[in-house]
PDB file of N, CA and C in Angstrom:
ATOM      1  N   MET A   1     100.009-154.087 137.112  1.00  0.00           N
ATOM      2  CA  MET A   1      98.796-153.754 137.849  1.00  0.00           C
ATOM      3  C   MET A   1      99.000-152.409 138.545  1.00  0.00           C
ATOM      4  N   HIS A   2      98.006-151.561 138.510  1.00  0.00           N
ATOM      5  CA  HIS A   2      98.079-150.234 139.115  1.00  0.00           C
ATOM      6  C   HIS A   2      97.315-150.224 140.431  1.00  0.00           C
ATOM      7  N   PHE A   3      97.984-149.795 141.486  1.00  0.00           N
ATOM      8  CA  PHE A   3      97.345-149.683 142.795  1.00  0.00           C
ATOM      9  C   PHE A   3      97.116-148.213 143.093  1.00  0.00           C
ATOM     10  N   PRO A   4      95.957-147.860 143.621  1.00  0.00           N
ATOM     11  CA  PRO A   4      95.710-146.444 143.939  1.00  0.00           C
ATOM     12  C   PRO A   4      96.646-145.984 145.057  1.00  0.00           C
ATOM     13  N   MET A   5      97.094-144.744 144.932  1.00  0.00           N
ATOM     14  CA  MET A   5      97.959-144.178 145.966  1.00  0.00           C
ATOM     15  C   MET A   5      97.119-143.853 147.194  1.00  0.00           C
ATOM     16  N   LYS A   6      97.676-144.121 148.338  1.00  0.00           N
ATOM     17  CA  LYS A   6      96.992-143.717 149.555  1.00  0.00           C
ATOM     18  C   LYS A   6      97.277-142.243 149.799  1.00  0.00           C
ATOM     19  N   SER A   7      96.533-141.619 150.661  1.00  0.00           N
ATOM     20  CA  SER A   7      96.725-140.185 150.888  1.00  0.00           C
ATOM     21  C   SER A   7      97.314-139.887 152.259  1.00  0.00           C
ATOM     22  N   ALA A   8      97.397-140.891 153.134  1.00  0.00           N
ATOM     23  CA  ALA A   8      97.986-140.690 154.459  1.00  0.00           C
ATOM     24  C   ALA A   8      99.105-141.698 154.662  1.00  0.00           C
ATOM     25  N   TYR A   9     100.207-141.210 155.200  1.00  0.00           N
ATOM     26  CA  TYR A   9     101.400-142.023 155.397  1.00  0.00           C
ATOM     27  C   TYR A   9     101.935-141.788 156.800  1.00  0.00           C
ATOM     28  N   THR A  10     102.395-142.850 157.441  1.00  0.00           N
ATOM     29  CA  THR A  10     103.118-142.648 158.692  1.00  0.00           C
ATOM     30  C   THR A  10     104.461-142.024 158.331  1.00  0.00           C
ATOM     31  N   ILE A  11     105.125-141.477 159.299  1.00  0.00           N
ATOM     32  CA  ILE A  11     106.441-140.879 159.033  1.00  0.00           C
ATOM     33  C   ILE A  11     107.380-141.932 158.460  1.00  0.00           C
ATOM     34  N   LYS A  12     107.344-143.113 159.001  1.00  0.00           N
ATOM     35  CA  LYS A  12     108.217-144.195 158.525  1.00  0.00           C
ATOM     36  C   LYS A  12     107.897-144.560 157.076  1.00  0.00           C
ATOM     37  N   GLU A  13     106.605-144.670 156.734  1.00  0.00           N
ATOM     38  CA  GLU A  13     106.210-144.964 155.355  1.00  0.00           C
ATOM     39  C   GLU A  13     106.654-143.851 154.411  1.00  0.00           C
ATOM     40  N   ALA A  14     106.476-142.616 154.834  1.00  0.00           N
ATOM     41  CA  ALA A  14     106.861-141.479 153.999  1.00  0.00           C
ATOM     42  C   ALA A  14     108.365-141.472 153.755  1.00  0.00           C
ATOM     43  N   GLN A  15     109.153-141.806 154.775  1.00  0.00           N
ATOM     44  CA  GLN A  15     110.600-141.856 154.612  1.00  0.00           C
ATOM     45  C   GLN A  15     110.996-142.945 153.613  1.00  0.00           C
ATOM     46  N   LYS A  16     110.359-144.093 153.707  1.00  0.00           N
ATOM     47  CA  LYS A  16     110.682-145.216 152.814  1.00  0.00           C
ATOM     48  C   LYS A  16     110.250-144.940 151.375  1.00  0.00           C
ATOM     49  N   ASN A  17     109.170-144.207 151.199  1.00  0.00           N
ATOM     50  CA  ASN A  17     108.564-144.016 149.880  1.00  0.00           C
ATOM     51  C   ASN A  17     108.495-142.549 149.490  1.00  0.00           C
ATOM     52  N   LEU A  18     109.498-141.771 149.848  1.00  0.00           N
ATOM     53  CA  LEU A  18     109.439-140.330 149.621  1.00  0.00           C
ATOM     54  C   LEU A  18     109.173-139.974 148.158  1.00  0.00           C
ATOM     55  N   SER A  19     109.819-140.654 147.245  1.00  0.00           N
ATOM     56  CA  SER A  19     109.606-140.353 145.821  1.00  0.00           C
ATOM     57  C   SER A  19     108.145-140.543 145.428  1.00  0.00           C
ATOM     58  N   ALA A  20     107.532-141.620 145.883  1.00  0.00           N
ATOM     59  CA  ALA A  20     106.126-141.880 145.560  1.00  0.00           C
ATOM     60  C   ALA A  20     105.212-140.849 146.211  1.00  0.00           C
ATOM     61  N   VAL A  21     105.527-140.459 147.430  1.00  0.00           N
ATOM     62  CA  VAL A  21     104.720-139.454 148.127  1.00  0.00           C
ATOM     63  C   VAL A  21     104.795-138.115 147.385  1.00  0.00           C
ATOM     64  N   VAL A  22     105.984-137.741 146.940  1.00  0.00           N
ATOM     65  CA  VAL A  22     106.153-136.490 146.198  1.00  0.00           C
ATOM     66  C   VAL A  22     105.415-136.560 144.863  1.00  0.00           C
ATOM     67  N   ARG A  23     105.505-137.673 144.156  1.00  0.00           N
ATOM     68  CA  ARG A  23     104.771-137.826 142.895  1.00  0.00           C
ATOM     69  C   ARG A  23     103.265-137.683 143.129  1.00  0.00           C
ATOM     70  N   HIS A  24     102.793-138.264 144.219  1.00  0.00           N
ATOM     71  CA  HIS A  24     101.381-138.168 144.586  1.00  0.00           C
ATOM     72  C   HIS A  24     100.988-136.694 144.731  1.00  0.00           C
ATOM     73  N   ALA A  25     101.808-135.921 145.422  1.00  0.00           N
ATOM     74  CA  ALA A  25     101.537-134.494 145.616  1.00  0.00           C
ATOM     75  C   ALA A  25     101.647-133.734 144.295  1.00  0.00           C
ATOM     76  N   GLU A  26     102.615-134.090 143.469  1.00  0.00           N
ATOM     77  CA  GLU A  26     102.794-133.406 142.182  1.00  0.00           C
ATOM     78  C   GLU A  26     101.575-133.575 141.279  1.00  0.00           C
ATOM     79  N   ARG A  27     100.850-134.664 141.437  1.00  0.00           N
ATOM     80  CA  ARG A  27      99.643-134.910 140.636  1.00  0.00           C
ATOM     81  C   ARG A  27      98.449-134.102 141.147  1.00  0.00           C
ATOM     82  N   GLY A  28      98.667-133.303 142.191  1.00  0.00           N
ATOM     83  CA  GLY A  28      97.604-132.441 142.696  1.00  0.00           C
ATOM     84  C   GLY A  28      96.922-132.952 143.947  1.00  0.00           C
ATOM     85  N   SER A  29      97.342-134.094 144.432  1.00  0.00           N
ATOM     86  CA  SER A  29      96.728-134.640 145.639  1.00  0.00           C
ATOM     87  C   SER A  29      97.471-134.176 146.887  1.00  0.00           C
ATOM     88  N   LEU A  30      96.781-134.199 147.978  1.00  0.00           N
ATOM     89  CA  LEU A  30      97.362-133.857 149.264  1.00  0.00           C
ATOM     90  C   LEU A  30      97.880-135.133 149.915  1.00  0.00           C
ATOM     91  N   ALA A  31      99.138-135.137 150.315  1.00  0.00           N
ATOM     92  CA  ALA A  31      99.707-136.280 151.025  1.00  0.00           C
ATOM     93  C   ALA A  31      99.849-135.878 152.495  1.00  0.00           C
ATOM     94  N   THR A  32      99.202-136.610 153.368  1.00  0.00           N
ATOM     95  CA  THR A  32      99.211-136.301 154.796  1.00  0.00           C
ATOM     96  C   THR A  32     100.181-137.237 155.506  1.00  0.00           C
ATOM     97  N   ILE A  33     101.028-136.657 156.343  1.00  0.00           N
ATOM     98  CA  ILE A  33     101.977-137.428 157.139  1.00  0.00           C
ATOM     99  C   ILE A  33     101.424-137.501 158.559  1.00  0.00           C
ATOM    100  N   THR A  34     101.398-138.703 159.108  1.00  0.00           N
ATOM    101  CA  THR A  34     100.814-138.890 160.432  1.00  0.00           C
ATOM    102  C   THR A  34     101.836-139.424 161.437  1.00  0.00           C
ATOM    103  N   ARG A  35     101.568-139.128 162.683  1.00  0.00           N
ATOM    104  CA  ARG A  35     102.318-139.703 163.805  1.00  0.00           C
ATOM    105  C   ARG A  35     101.265-140.156 164.802  1.00  0.00           C
ATOM    106  N   ARG A  36     101.316-141.414 165.152  1.00  0.00           N
ATOM    107  CA  ARG A  36     100.328-142.001 166.061  1.00  0.00           C
ATOM    108  C   ARG A  36      98.894-141.729 165.580  1.00  0.00           C
ATOM    109  N   LYS A  37      98.705-141.888 164.281  1.00  0.00           N
ATOM    110  CA  LYS A  37      97.405-141.746 163.606  1.00  0.00           C
ATOM    111  C   LYS A  37      96.856-140.320 163.580  1.00  0.00           C
ATOM    112  N   LYS A  38      97.677-139.338 163.957  1.00  0.00           N
ATOM    113  CA  LYS A  38      97.240-137.941 163.906  1.00  0.00           C
ATOM    114  C   LYS A  38      98.056-137.195 162.853  1.00  0.00           C
ATOM    115  N   PRO A  39      97.395-136.373 162.022  1.00  0.00           N
ATOM    116  CA  PRO A  39      98.128-135.603 161.008  1.00  0.00           C
ATOM    117  C   PRO A  39      99.119-134.639 161.657  1.00  0.00           C
ATOM    118  N   VAL A  40     100.354-134.641 161.144  1.00  0.00           N
ATOM    119  CA  VAL A  40     101.377-133.719 161.654  1.00  0.00           C
ATOM    120  C   VAL A  40     101.969-132.846 160.548  1.00  0.00           C
ATOM    121  N   ALA A  41     101.766-133.247 159.283  1.00  0.00           N
ATOM    122  CA  ALA A  41     102.292-132.467 158.160  1.00  0.00           C
ATOM    123  C   ALA A  41     101.547-132.852 156.889  1.00  0.00           C
ATOM    124  N   HIS A  42     101.634-131.950 155.911  1.00  0.00           N
ATOM    125  CA  HIS A  42     101.041-132.218 154.603  1.00  0.00           C
ATOM    126  C   HIS A  42     102.066-131.888 153.534  1.00  0.00           C
ATOM    127  N   ILE A  43     102.059-132.659 152.466  1.00  0.00           N
ATOM    128  CA  ILE A  43     102.904-132.387 151.313  1.00  0.00           C
ATOM    129  C   ILE A  43     101.978-132.058 150.152  1.00  0.00           C
ATOM    130  N   ILE A  44     102.215-130.871 149.554  1.00  0.00           N
ATOM    131  CA  ILE A  44     101.433-130.456 148.391  1.00  0.00           C
ATOM    132  C   ILE A  44     102.402-130.002 147.305  1.00  0.00           C
ATOM    133  N   SER A  45     101.931-129.956 146.088  1.00  0.00           N
ATOM    134  CA  SER A  45     102.787-129.534 144.982  1.00  0.00           C
ATOM    135  C   SER A  45     103.083-128.039 145.080  1.00  0.00           C
ATOM    136  N   ALA A  46     104.173-127.641 144.452  1.00  0.00           N
ATOM    137  CA  ALA A  46     104.529-126.218 144.406  1.00  0.00           C
ATOM    138  C   ALA A  46     103.441-125.428 143.682  1.00  0.00           C
ATOM    139  N   GLU A  47     102.849-126.029 142.639  1.00  0.00           N
ATOM    140  CA  GLU A  47     101.786-125.355 141.888  1.00  0.00           C
ATOM    141  C   GLU A  47     100.567-125.094 142.775  1.00  0.00           C
ATOM    142  N   ARG A  48     100.198-126.089 143.574  1.00  0.00           N
ATOM    143  CA  ARG A  48      99.037-125.927 144.458  1.00  0.00           C
ATOM    144  C   ARG A  48      99.325-124.887 145.545  1.00  0.00           C
ATOM    145  N   LEU A  49     100.532-124.901 146.096  1.00  0.00           N
ATOM    146  CA  LEU A  49     100.897-123.911 147.109  1.00  0.00           C
ATOM    147  C   LEU A  49     100.861-122.510 146.526  1.00  0.00           C
ATOM    148  N   SER A  50     101.331-122.361 145.301  1.00  0.00           N
ATOM    149  CA  SER A  50     101.301-121.061 144.633  1.00  0.00           C
ATOM    150  C   SER A  50      99.864-120.570 144.459  1.00  0.00           C
ATOM    151  N   ALA A  51      98.962-121.471 144.082  1.00  0.00           N
ATOM    152  CA  ALA A  51      97.553-121.105 143.916  1.00  0.00           C
ATOM    153  C   ALA A  51      96.939-120.687 145.251  1.00  0.00           C
ATOM    154  N   ILE A  52      97.296-121.383 146.312  1.00  0.00           N
ATOM    155  CA  ILE A  52      96.793-121.027 147.650  1.00  0.00           C
ATOM    156  C   ILE A  52      97.292-119.642 148.046  1.00  0.00           C
ATOM    157  N   ALA A  53      98.575-119.386 147.808  1.00  0.00           N
ATOM    158  CA  ALA A  53      99.158-118.078 148.154  1.00  0.00           C
ATOM    159  C   ALA A  53      98.485-116.961 147.355  1.00  0.00           C
ATOM    160  N   GLU A  54      98.221-117.211 146.070  1.00  0.00           N
ATOM    161  CA  GLU A  54      97.555-116.204 145.240  1.00  0.00           C
ATOM    162  C   GLU A  54      96.145-115.921 145.757  1.00  0.00           C
ATOM    163  N   THR A  55      95.429-116.961 146.146  1.00  0.00           N
ATOM    164  CA  THR A  55      94.088-116.790 146.702  1.00  0.00           C
ATOM    165  C   THR A  55      94.137-115.976 147.985  1.00  0.00           C
ATOM    166  N   MET A  56      95.119-116.254 148.833  1.00  0.00           N
ATOM    167  CA  MET A  56      95.253-115.510 150.088  1.00  0.00           C
ATOM    168  C   MET A  56      95.539-114.028 149.823  1.00  0.00           C
ATOM    169  N   GLU A  57      96.350-113.742 148.797  1.00  0.00           N
ATOM    170  CA  GLU A  57      96.646-112.353 148.448  1.00  0.00           C
ATOM    171  C   GLU A  57      95.376-111.626 148.005  1.00  0.00           C
ATOM    172  N   ILE A  58      94.569-112.298 147.195  1.00  0.00           N
ATOM    173  CA  ILE A  58      93.316-111.691 146.737  1.00  0.00           C
ATOM    174  C   ILE A  58      92.381-111.453 147.918  1.00  0.00           C
ATOM    175  N   LEU A  59      92.268-112.445 148.802  1.00  0.00           N
ATOM    176  CA  LEU A  59      91.396-112.308 149.971  1.00  0.00           C
ATOM    177  C   LEU A  59      91.847-111.174 150.894  1.00  0.00           C
ATOM    178  N   ALA A  60      93.142-110.886 150.915  1.00  0.00           N
ATOM    179  CA  ALA A  60      93.673-109.822 151.769  1.00  0.00           C
ATOM    180  C   ALA A  60      93.552-108.438 151.129  1.00  0.00           C
ATOM    181  N   ASP A  61      93.202-108.386 149.851  1.00  0.00           N
ATOM    182  CA  ASP A  61      93.097-107.118 149.125  1.00  0.00           C
ATOM    183  C   ASP A  61      91.652-106.627 149.211  1.00  0.00           C
ATOM    184  N   SER A  62      91.415-105.609 150.011  1.00  0.00           N
ATOM    185  CA  SER A  62      90.042-105.141 150.234  1.00  0.00           C
ATOM    186  C   SER A  62      89.390-104.639 148.941  1.00  0.00           C
ATOM    187  N   ALA A  63      90.149-103.995 148.061  1.00  0.00           N
ATOM    188  CA  ALA A  63      89.583-103.509 146.799  1.00  0.00           C
ATOM    189  C   ALA A  63      89.173-104.685 145.906  1.00  0.00           C
ATOM    190  N   ALA A  64      89.998-105.698 145.863  1.00  0.00           N
ATOM    191  CA  ALA A  64      89.668-106.880 145.056  1.00  0.00           C
ATOM    192  C   ALA A  64      88.429-107.570 145.606  1.00  0.00           C
ATOM    193  N   MET A  65      88.347-107.689 146.921  1.00  0.00           N
ATOM    194  CA  MET A  65      87.189-108.349 147.533  1.00  0.00           C
ATOM    195  C   MET A  65      85.914-107.541 147.303  1.00  0.00           C
ATOM    196  N   LYS A  66      86.015-106.204 147.347  1.00  0.00           N
ATOM    197  CA  LYS A  66      84.847-105.366 147.063  1.00  0.00           C
ATOM    198  C   LYS A  66      84.394-105.569 145.620  1.00  0.00           C
ATOM    199  N   ALA A  67      85.354-105.622 144.699  1.00  0.00           N
ATOM    200  CA  ALA A  67      85.016-105.833 143.292  1.00  0.00           C
ATOM    201  C   ALA A  67      84.346-107.195 143.098  1.00  0.00           C
ATOM    202  N   ILE A  68      84.820-108.209 143.796  1.00  0.00           N
ATOM    203  CA  ILE A  68      84.219-109.542 143.704  1.00  0.00           C
ATOM    204  C   ILE A  68      82.799-109.521 144.261  1.00  0.00           C
ATOM    205  N   ARG A  69      82.620-108.903 145.430  1.00  0.00           N
ATOM    206  CA  ARG A  69      81.274-108.822 146.022  1.00  0.00           C
ATOM    207  C   ARG A  69      80.323-108.053 145.106  1.00  0.00           C
ATOM    208  N   ASP A  70      80.813-106.937 144.547  1.00  0.00           N
ATOM    209  CA  ASP A  70      79.987-106.152 143.626  1.00  0.00           C
ATOM    210  C   ASP A  70      79.598-106.978 142.404  1.00  0.00           C
ATOM    211  N   ALA A  71      80.544-107.702 141.845  1.00  0.00           N
ATOM    212  CA  ALA A  71      80.259-108.534 140.674  1.00  0.00           C
ATOM    213  C   ALA A  71      79.247-109.617 141.006  1.00  0.00           C
ATOM    214  N   GLU A  72      79.386-110.229 142.164  1.00  0.00           N
ATOM    215  CA  GLU A  72      78.443-111.272 142.582  1.00  0.00           C
ATOM    216  C   GLU A  72      77.037-110.702 142.794  1.00  0.00           C
ATOM    217  N   ALA A  73      76.969-109.448 143.218  1.00  0.00           N
ATOM    218  CA  ALA A  73      75.672-108.802 143.449  1.00  0.00           C
ATOM    219  C   ALA A  73      75.122-108.167 142.173  1.00  0.00           C
ATOM    220  N   GLY A  74      75.837-108.326 141.071  1.00  0.00           N
ATOM    221  CA  GLY A  74      75.380-107.749 139.810  1.00  0.00           C
ATOM    222  C   GLY A  74      75.641-106.267 139.699  1.00  0.00           C
ATOM    223  N   LYS A  75      76.521-105.742 140.540  1.00  0.00           N
ATOM    224  CA  LYS A  75      76.818-104.311 140.534  1.00  0.00           C
ATOM    225  C   LYS A  75      78.130-103.990 139.827  1.00  0.00           C
ATOM    226  N   GLY A  76      78.738-104.985 139.235  1.00  0.00           N
ATOM    227  CA  GLY A  76      80.028-104.766 138.578  1.00  0.00           C
ATOM    228  C   GLY A  76      79.887-103.949 137.309  1.00  0.00           C
ATOM    229  N   LYS A  77      80.976-103.365 136.872  1.00  0.00           N
ATOM    230  CA  LYS A  77      80.989-102.612 135.624  1.00  0.00           C
ATOM    231  C   LYS A  77      81.351-103.571 134.499  1.00  0.00           C
ATOM    232  N   TRP A  78      80.676-103.419 133.376  1.00  0.00           N
ATOM    233  CA  TRP A  78      80.919-104.260 132.220  1.00  0.00           C
ATOM    234  C   TRP A  78      81.394-103.385 131.073  1.00  0.00           C
ATOM    235  N   TYR A  79      82.370-103.861 130.344  1.00  0.00           N
ATOM    236  CA  TYR A  79      82.908-103.155 129.193  1.00  0.00           C
ATOM    237  C   TYR A  79      82.892-104.105 127.998  1.00  0.00           C
ATOM    238  N   SER A  80      82.596-103.566 126.840  1.00  0.00           N
ATOM    239  CA  SER A  80      82.687-104.395 125.637  1.00  0.00           C
ATOM    240  C   SER A  80      84.161-104.470 125.266  1.00  0.00           C
ATOM    241  N   ILE A  81      84.509-105.473 124.521  1.00  0.00           N
ATOM    242  CA  ILE A  81      85.898-105.652 124.114  1.00  0.00           C
ATOM    243  C   ILE A  81      86.376-104.476 123.272  1.00  0.00           C
ATOM    244  N   GLU A  82      85.464-103.891 122.521  1.00  0.00           N
ATOM    245  CA  GLU A  82      85.834-102.760 121.671  1.00  0.00           C
ATOM    246  C   GLU A  82      86.213-101.530 122.496  1.00  0.00           C
ATOM    247  N   ASP A  83      85.697-101.415 123.727  1.00  0.00           N
ATOM    248  CA  ASP A  83      85.985-100.278 124.590  1.00  0.00           C
ATOM    249  C   ASP A  83      87.350-100.370 125.263  1.00  0.00           C
ATOM    250  N   LEU A  84      87.928-101.548 125.256  1.00  0.00           N
ATOM    251  CA  LEU A  84      89.214-101.736 125.925  1.00  0.00           C
ATOM    252  C   LEU A  84      90.349-101.327 124.997  1.00  0.00           C
ATOM    253  N   ALA A  85      91.357-100.687 125.571  1.00  0.00           N
ATOM    254  CA  ALA A  85      92.506-100.249 124.783  1.00  0.00           C
ATOM    255  C   ALA A  85      93.353-101.440 124.375  1.00  0.00           C
ATOM    256  N   ASP A  86      94.029-101.312 123.252  1.00  0.00           N
ATOM    257  CA  ASP A  86      94.934-102.378 122.783  1.00  0.00           C
ATOM    258  C   ASP A  86      96.152-102.483 123.645  1.00  0.00           C
TER     259      ASP A  86
END
């Protein structure tokens, strides 16, 4: 029988079931660690953390953000595939 994984764990539960908590995070879910019913930490996969870091880098790049805003406003430059160099 398969039981759904919970997403919040007390510190004691997380210590007892660390492997399961890590597997939960590896599947792309956020595992929240609580103390006295308040979140104190989160466990996420390395892949998800990498994606977050990449997004933050793009958001911090003013040229990239301008290009995104221009594209969203329909002001972006378009090139045909034939115009691009090999």
